[in-house]
Structures are given as C-alpha cells and as structure tokens.
N, C-alpha and C. Protein backbone atom coordinates (compact mmCIF):
# COMPACT_ATOMS: atom_id res chain seq x y z
N MET A 1 0.81 -1.26 -0.14
CA MET A 1 0.20 0.18 0.09
C MET A 1 0.87 1.03 -0.28
N THR A 2 0.66 2.43 -0.80
CA THR A 2 1.39 3.88 -0.86
C THR A 2 1.48 4.09 0.15
N LYS A 3 1.70 5.29 0.18
CA LYS A 3 1.69 6.27 1.11
C LYS A 3 0.26 6.84 1.54
N ASN A 4 -0.04 7.42 0.77
CA ASN A 4 -0.92 8.08 0.07
C ASN A 4 -2.23 6.84 0.74
N GLY A 5 -1.61 5.65 0.31
CA GLY A 5 -3.09 4.92 0.71
C GLY A 5 -3.30 4.81 2.27
N ARG A 6 -2.37 4.50 2.89
CA ARG A 6 -2.15 4.44 4.37
C ARG A 6 -2.66 5.96 5.07
N ILE A 7 -2.35 7.33 4.22
CA ILE A 7 -2.96 8.16 4.78
C ILE A 7 -4.52 8.37 4.72
N ILE A 8 -5.35 7.62 3.49
CA ILE A 8 -6.89 8.10 3.13
C ILE A 8 -7.20 7.21 4.18
N VAL A 9 -6.70 5.43 4.39
CA VAL A 9 -7.60 4.80 5.25
C VAL A 9 -7.42 5.00 6.74
N PHE A 10 -6.11 5.94 7.19
CA PHE A 10 -6.12 6.42 8.50
C PHE A 10 -7.41 7.49 9.05
N MET A 11 -7.40 8.34 7.93
CA MET A 11 -8.12 9.43 8.06
C MET A 11 -9.75 8.87 8.13
N GLY A 12 -10.04 7.60 6.98
CA GLY A 12 -11.06 7.07 7.17
C GLY A 12 -11.29 6.41 8.71
N LEU A 13 -10.66 5.64 9.04
CA LEU A 13 -10.65 5.29 10.45
C LEU A 13 -10.73 6.37 11.59
N LEU A 14 -10.35 7.53 11.30
CA LEU A 14 -10.40 8.46 12.10
C LEU A 14 -11.64 9.16 12.51
N VAL A 15 -12.38 9.63 11.36
CA VAL A 15 -13.63 10.04 10.74
C VAL A 15 -14.76 8.96 11.52
N LEU A 16 -14.34 7.81 11.27
CA LEU A 16 -15.15 6.42 12.25
C LEU A 16 -15.25 6.50 13.63
N VAL A 17 -14.23 6.58 14.16
CA VAL A 17 -13.83 6.80 15.39
C VAL A 17 -14.62 7.90 15.95
N VAL A 18 -14.33 8.91 15.67
CA VAL A 18 -15.11 10.37 16.13
C VAL A 18 -16.53 10.49 15.92
N PHE A 19 -16.95 9.41 14.69
CA PHE A 19 -18.62 9.85 14.30
C PHE A 19 -19.10 8.43 15.54
N PHE A 20 -18.34 7.46 15.84
CA PHE A 20 -19.18 6.35 16.63
C PHE A 20 -19.02 6.89 18.39
N SER A 21 -17.95 7.92 17.93
CA SER A 21 -17.76 8.06 19.58
C SER A 21 -18.51 9.11 20.32
N GLY A 22 -19.51 9.72 19.64
CA GLY A 22 -20.44 10.85 19.72
C GLY A 22 -19.62 12.23 19.72
N CYS A 23 -18.85 12.15 19.38
CA CYS A 23 -17.83 13.42 19.87
C CYS A 23 -18.35 14.79 18.83
N THR A 24 -19.36 14.36 17.65
CA THR A 24 -20.00 15.17 16.80
C THR A 24 -21.57 15.73 17.26
N THR A 25 -22.29 15.11 18.49
CA THR A 25 -23.53 15.32 18.85
C THR A 25 -23.29 16.74 19.85
N ASN A 26 -24.44 17.23 20.16
CA ASN A 26 -24.55 18.69 20.66
C ASN A 26 -25.93 18.02 21.64
N ASN A 27 -25.12 18.38 22.96
CA ASN A 27 -25.83 17.99 24.13
C ASN A 27 -26.50 18.95 24.78
N ASN A 28 -26.12 20.09 24.05
CA ASN A 28 -26.76 21.12 24.80
C ASN A 28 -28.08 21.18 24.96
N SER A 29 -28.96 20.78 23.78
CA SER A 29 -30.69 20.51 23.50
C SER A 29 -31.22 19.84 24.82
N THR A 30 -30.69 18.55 25.40
CA THR A 30 -30.92 18.02 26.16
C THR A 30 -30.73 18.64 27.81
N ASN A 31 -29.17 19.28 27.77
CA ASN A 31 -29.56 20.20 29.29
C ASN A 31 -30.50 21.56 29.09
N GLN A 32 -30.69 21.92 28.28
CA GLN A 32 -31.67 23.08 27.94
C GLN A 32 -33.38 22.34 28.20
N SER A 33 -33.68 21.43 27.58
CA SER A 33 -35.01 20.32 27.64
C SER A 33 -35.30 20.56 29.16
N SER A 34 -34.53 20.22 29.95
CA SER A 34 -34.53 19.55 31.37
C SER A 34 -35.31 20.63 31.79
N LYS A 35 -34.46 21.77 31.98
CA LYS A 35 -35.02 23.08 32.48
C LYS A 35 -36.27 23.61 32.29
N ASP A 36 -36.59 22.95 31.09
CA ASP A 36 -38.26 23.77 30.13
C ASP A 36 -39.38 23.26 31.46
N VAL A 37 -39.91 24.33 31.18
CA VAL A 37 -41.38 24.08 31.88
C VAL A 37 -42.53 23.65 30.64
N VAL A 38 -43.36 22.62 31.56
CA VAL A 38 -44.32 21.80 30.88
C VAL A 38 -45.03 21.93 31.78
N VAL A 39 -46.57 22.54 31.05
CA VAL A 39 -47.93 21.88 31.73
C VAL A 39 -48.81 20.19 31.36
N GLN A 40 -48.84 19.82 32.30
CA GLN A 40 -49.07 18.04 31.92
C GLN A 40 -50.73 17.84 32.23
N ILE A 41 -51.48 17.82 31.01
CA ILE A 41 -52.85 17.29 31.57
C ILE A 41 -53.55 16.00 31.89
N THR A 42 -53.76 15.48 32.58
CA THR A 42 -53.79 14.10 32.61
C THR A 42 -55.72 14.05 32.55
N SER A 43 -56.35 13.34 31.69
CA SER A 43 -57.60 13.02 31.99
C SER A 43 -58.02 11.98 30.94
N ASN A 44 -59.27 11.49 31.51
CA ASN A 44 -59.99 10.45 31.03
C ASN A 44 -61.00 11.14 30.11
N SER A 45 -61.25 12.29 29.88
CA SER A 45 -62.50 12.80 29.10
C SER A 45 -62.08 14.11 28.38
N SER A 46 -63.00 14.91 28.32
CA SER A 46 -62.59 16.57 27.34
C SER A 46 -62.81 17.49 28.60
N TRP A 47 -61.97 18.75 28.33
CA TRP A 47 -61.81 19.22 29.23
C TRP A 47 -61.71 20.76 28.08
N ASN A 48 -61.67 22.00 28.69
CA ASN A 48 -61.09 22.99 28.33
C ASN A 48 -60.75 24.44 29.16
N GLY A 49 -60.09 25.24 29.04
CA GLY A 49 -59.45 26.10 29.88
C GLY A 49 -59.12 27.64 29.05
N THR A 50 -58.23 27.84 30.04
CA THR A 50 -57.12 29.05 29.41
C THR A 50 -55.62 28.90 29.92
N MET A 51 -54.68 29.37 29.48
CA MET A 51 -52.98 29.30 30.04
C MET A 51 -52.80 31.11 29.25
N THR A 52 -52.07 31.11 30.25
CA THR A 52 -51.48 32.22 30.20
C THR A 52 -49.99 32.50 30.63
N TYR A 53 -49.07 32.58 29.56
CA TYR A 53 -47.41 32.55 29.60
C TYR A 53 -46.72 33.52 28.55
N ASN A 54 -45.23 34.40 29.71
CA ASN A 54 -44.87 34.91 27.99
C ASN A 54 -45.87 36.36 27.95
N GLY A 55 -47.03 36.51 28.52
CA GLY A 55 -47.82 37.89 28.50
C GLY A 55 -48.83 37.45 27.46
N THR A 56 -49.06 36.45 27.08
CA THR A 56 -50.50 35.90 26.21
C THR A 56 -50.87 34.81 26.46
N ASN A 57 -52.26 35.23 26.39
CA ASN A 57 -53.44 34.33 26.91
C ASN A 57 -53.69 33.45 25.52
N TYR A 58 -53.70 32.22 26.16
CA TYR A 58 -54.10 31.07 25.00
C TYR A 58 -54.95 30.53 25.43
N ASN A 59 -56.52 29.89 24.62
CA ASN A 59 -57.93 29.15 24.92
C ASN A 59 -56.93 27.57 24.46
N ILE A 60 -57.12 26.89 25.99
CA ILE A 60 -56.81 25.65 25.32
C ILE A 60 -57.93 24.32 25.42
N GLU A 61 -57.70 23.52 25.03
CA GLU A 61 -58.77 22.36 24.89
C GLU A 61 -58.42 20.97 24.73
N GLY A 62 -58.92 19.94 25.01
CA GLY A 62 -58.41 18.58 24.81
C GLY A 62 -59.58 17.48 25.29
N THR A 63 -59.12 16.39 24.74
CA THR A 63 -59.96 15.29 24.96
C THR A 63 -58.81 14.20 25.71
N ARG A 64 -58.52 13.78 27.13
CA ARG A 64 -57.76 12.79 27.66
C ARG A 64 -56.20 13.85 27.95
N ASN A 65 -55.39 13.06 27.49
CA ASN A 65 -53.94 13.69 27.96
C ASN A 65 -53.37 14.52 26.90
N LYS A 66 -52.62 15.85 27.45
CA LYS A 66 -51.98 16.65 26.64
C LYS A 66 -50.88 17.58 27.42
N ASN A 67 -49.87 17.80 26.42
CA ASN A 67 -48.79 18.62 27.19
C ASN A 67 -48.49 19.97 26.41
N TYR A 68 -47.95 20.79 27.17
CA TYR A 68 -47.66 22.19 26.29
C TYR A 68 -46.22 22.47 27.11
N HIS A 69 -45.49 22.51 26.09
CA HIS A 69 -44.45 23.05 26.38
C HIS A 69 -44.22 24.89 26.53
N LEU A 70 -44.10 25.11 27.84
CA LEU A 70 -43.61 26.54 27.70
C LEU A 70 -42.00 27.26 27.26
N GLY A 71 -41.25 26.41 27.32
CA GLY A 71 -40.17 27.16 27.12
C GLY A 71 -39.06 27.03 29.01
N PRO A 72 -37.98 27.52 28.62
CA PRO A 72 -37.28 27.84 30.12
C PRO A 72 -37.58 28.73 30.86
N ASN A 73 -37.93 29.91 30.45
CA ASN A 73 -38.49 30.95 31.52
C ASN A 73 -39.81 31.51 31.04
N PRO A 74 -41.22 31.20 31.19
CA PRO A 74 -42.24 31.58 30.82
C PRO A 74 -42.64 32.46 31.44
N GLY A 75 -42.18 33.13 32.29
CA GLY A 75 -42.34 34.39 32.88
C GLY A 75 -43.78 33.77 34.00
N HIS A 76 -44.81 35.11 34.21
CA HIS A 76 -46.21 34.22 34.93
C HIS A 76 -46.87 33.28 34.25
N VAL A 77 -47.15 32.39 34.62
CA VAL A 77 -48.02 31.20 34.19
C VAL A 77 -49.57 31.08 35.03
N ALA A 78 -50.52 31.57 34.37
CA ALA A 78 -51.70 31.33 35.24
C ALA A 78 -52.45 30.17 34.12
N ILE A 79 -53.23 28.82 34.69
CA ILE A 79 -53.88 27.91 34.44
C ILE A 79 -55.01 27.98 35.02
N TYR A 80 -56.00 27.66 33.94
CA TYR A 80 -57.14 27.31 34.31
C TYR A 80 -58.28 26.52 33.54
N VAL A 81 -58.76 25.00 33.89
CA VAL A 81 -58.61 24.39 33.61
C VAL A 81 -60.38 23.69 34.25
N LYS A 82 -61.16 23.18 33.10
CA LYS A 82 -62.71 22.71 33.74
C LYS A 82 -62.76 21.61 33.18
N LYS A 83 -63.42 20.71 33.45
CA LYS A 83 -64.17 19.14 32.66
C LYS A 83 -64.90 19.65 32.16
N ASN A 84 -65.47 18.99 31.07
CA ASN A 84 -66.80 18.89 30.47
C ASN A 84 -67.75 18.14 31.01
N ASP A 85 -67.60 17.14 31.52
CA ASP A 85 -68.53 15.98 31.92
C ASP A 85 -67.48 15.38 33.75
N ASP A 86 -68.04 14.41 34.14
CA ASP A 86 -68.12 13.93 35.34
C ASP A 86 -67.50 12.31 35.11
N ILE A 87 -66.69 12.39 34.40
CA ILE A 87 -65.88 10.76 33.90
C ILE A 87 -64.73 11.03 34.30
N GLY A 88 -64.10 10.04 35.85
CA GLY A 88 -62.83 10.66 35.90
C GLY A 88 -62.65 11.42 36.66
N ASN A 89 -61.44 11.61 36.58
CA ASN A 89 -60.54 12.75 37.11
C ASN A 89 -59.93 13.58 36.05
N LEU A 90 -59.41 14.72 36.79
CA LEU A 90 -58.26 15.67 35.98
C LEU A 90 -57.06 16.34 36.56
N THR A 91 -56.32 15.82 36.35
CA THR A 91 -55.24 16.57 37.08
C THR A 91 -54.37 17.23 36.01
N VAL A 92 -54.00 18.43 36.37
CA VAL A 92 -52.74 19.39 36.03
C VAL A 92 -51.55 19.74 36.68
N LYS A 93 -50.43 19.49 36.09
CA LYS A 93 -49.09 19.28 36.73
C LYS A 93 -48.29 20.63 36.20
N LEU A 94 -47.77 21.42 36.83
CA LEU A 94 -46.62 22.42 36.15
C LEU A 94 -45.30 22.16 36.61
N LEU A 95 -44.87 21.65 35.64
CA LEU A 95 -43.42 20.67 35.64
C LEU A 95 -42.20 21.90 35.38
N GLN A 96 -41.15 21.81 36.29
CA GLN A 96 -39.92 22.21 35.51
C GLN A 96 -39.01 21.39 35.53
N GLY A 97 -38.18 20.86 34.25
CA GLY A 97 -37.67 19.55 34.54
C GLY A 97 -38.36 18.29 34.88
N THR A 98 -38.01 17.67 35.57
CA THR A 98 -38.47 16.61 36.36
C THR A 98 -39.24 17.24 37.92
N ASN A 99 -39.26 18.79 37.77
CA ASN A 99 -39.81 18.88 39.45
C ASN A 99 -41.02 19.36 39.32
N ILE A 100 -41.64 18.98 40.24
CA ILE A 100 -43.16 19.10 39.99
C ILE A 100 -43.29 20.49 40.70
N ILE A 101 -43.83 21.53 40.29
CA ILE A 101 -43.80 23.15 40.88
C ILE A 101 -45.00 22.58 41.26
N GLN A 102 -46.53 22.66 40.57
CA GLN A 102 -47.62 22.39 41.41
C GLN A 102 -48.61 21.59 40.53
N THR A 103 -49.17 21.23 41.46
CA THR A 103 -50.28 20.17 40.75
C THR A 103 -51.49 20.11 41.43
N GLN A 104 -52.83 19.67 40.71
CA GLN A 104 -54.07 20.25 41.27
C GLN A 104 -54.94 18.94 40.67
N SER A 105 -55.61 18.24 41.32
CA SER A 105 -57.26 17.20 40.68
C SER A 105 -58.09 17.83 41.07
N ILE A 106 -59.13 17.30 40.12
CA ILE A 106 -60.71 17.36 40.28
C ILE A 106 -61.08 16.51 39.67
N SER A 107 -62.56 16.09 40.03
CA SER A 107 -63.11 15.00 39.68
C SER A 107 -64.71 15.57 39.10
N SER A 108 -65.11 16.83 39.68
CA SER A 108 -66.31 16.76 38.82
C SER A 108 -66.04 18.39 37.85
N HIS A 109 -67.47 18.52 37.05
CA HIS A 109 -67.31 19.24 36.16
C HIS A 109 -67.74 20.43 36.88
N GLN A 110 -67.91 20.83 37.51
CA GLN A 110 -68.41 22.08 38.62
C GLN A 110 -67.19 22.42 39.31
N GLU A 111 -66.07 22.17 39.33
CA GLU A 111 -64.99 22.41 39.84
C GLU A 111 -64.26 22.65 38.91
N ALA A 112 -62.87 23.15 39.14
CA ALA A 112 -61.98 24.40 38.48
C ALA A 112 -60.60 23.90 38.93
N VAL A 113 -59.61 23.93 38.01
CA VAL A 113 -58.22 23.71 38.33
C VAL A 113 -57.36 25.13 38.19
N ASN A 114 -57.07 25.91 38.78
CA ASN A 114 -56.29 27.19 39.06
C ASN A 114 -55.13 26.97 39.85
N ILE A 115 -54.14 27.66 38.72
CA ILE A 115 -52.55 27.40 39.21
C ILE A 115 -51.70 28.60 38.32
N ILE A 116 -51.01 29.57 39.52
CA ILE A 116 -50.55 30.58 39.27
C ILE A 116 -49.10 30.30 39.69
N TYR A 117 -48.32 30.89 39.18
CA TYR A 117 -46.82 30.88 38.89
C TYR A 117 -45.78 31.54 38.40
N ASN A 118 -45.03 32.52 39.21
CA ASN A 118 -44.16 33.15 38.54
C ASN A 118 -42.79 32.83 38.40
N PHE A 119 -41.99 32.52 37.46
CA PHE A 119 -40.74 32.34 36.83
C PHE A 119 -39.86 32.72 37.01
C-alpha cells in the first residue's frame, strides 16, 4: 500500500472513530430541555380552559392527556382548566424539568383547576 493509501485509510478510520464516539453530537439541547417548563394535563375525558404565559393568553382544550411546552422561562404562568363531564379525574401538573412545581386534581365538572406561578 502506498503512503497516500495509508493516509486515506487512517483518515477514514479517524472519521469513523469520531462519528461513533459521539464527539459530533451536541448535548446542549438535552440540558436545556431538562429545565423547560411543561404543563401536563391528564384526564379520561374532555376539558377546556385558558393558559397565560410570556404575556399571552391562550384558549386550551382537549380530550384525554396533553402536554404544553412553555420553554425555560415563561414568566407569569396562569392555568385555568374545567372538565366537560364527570367521567374520571382531571389532573394538571406544572413541571420544571423533572420537578413538580404545582399539581391540582378535580373530579367534577363543577370544579376547576387554577394554578398561578411566577418563574
């Protein structure tokens, strides 16, 4: 094998080692998402309400479970959710990464979840 051939093989092996070692990956997104704020709604039935964060109001609704990703610093967060029927429970969790900031549950459509928190 010529000198140039050995250099090409060596460079190819080096590229493979770097690729498989993970040196080309960027783990900043994993670290950032672990600090993101998430509203987690768990329900067996339909629900609706409002959510405010970063100074904007949103109408929210769904059937069964849903997550809302608010980013790493959503500022003032206000969540108001009601069930549309009396089937099962509805639980709303405000999470920052894996930490539960607040959680509330209801079982009747005459009740509502109301969570307010400043980040």
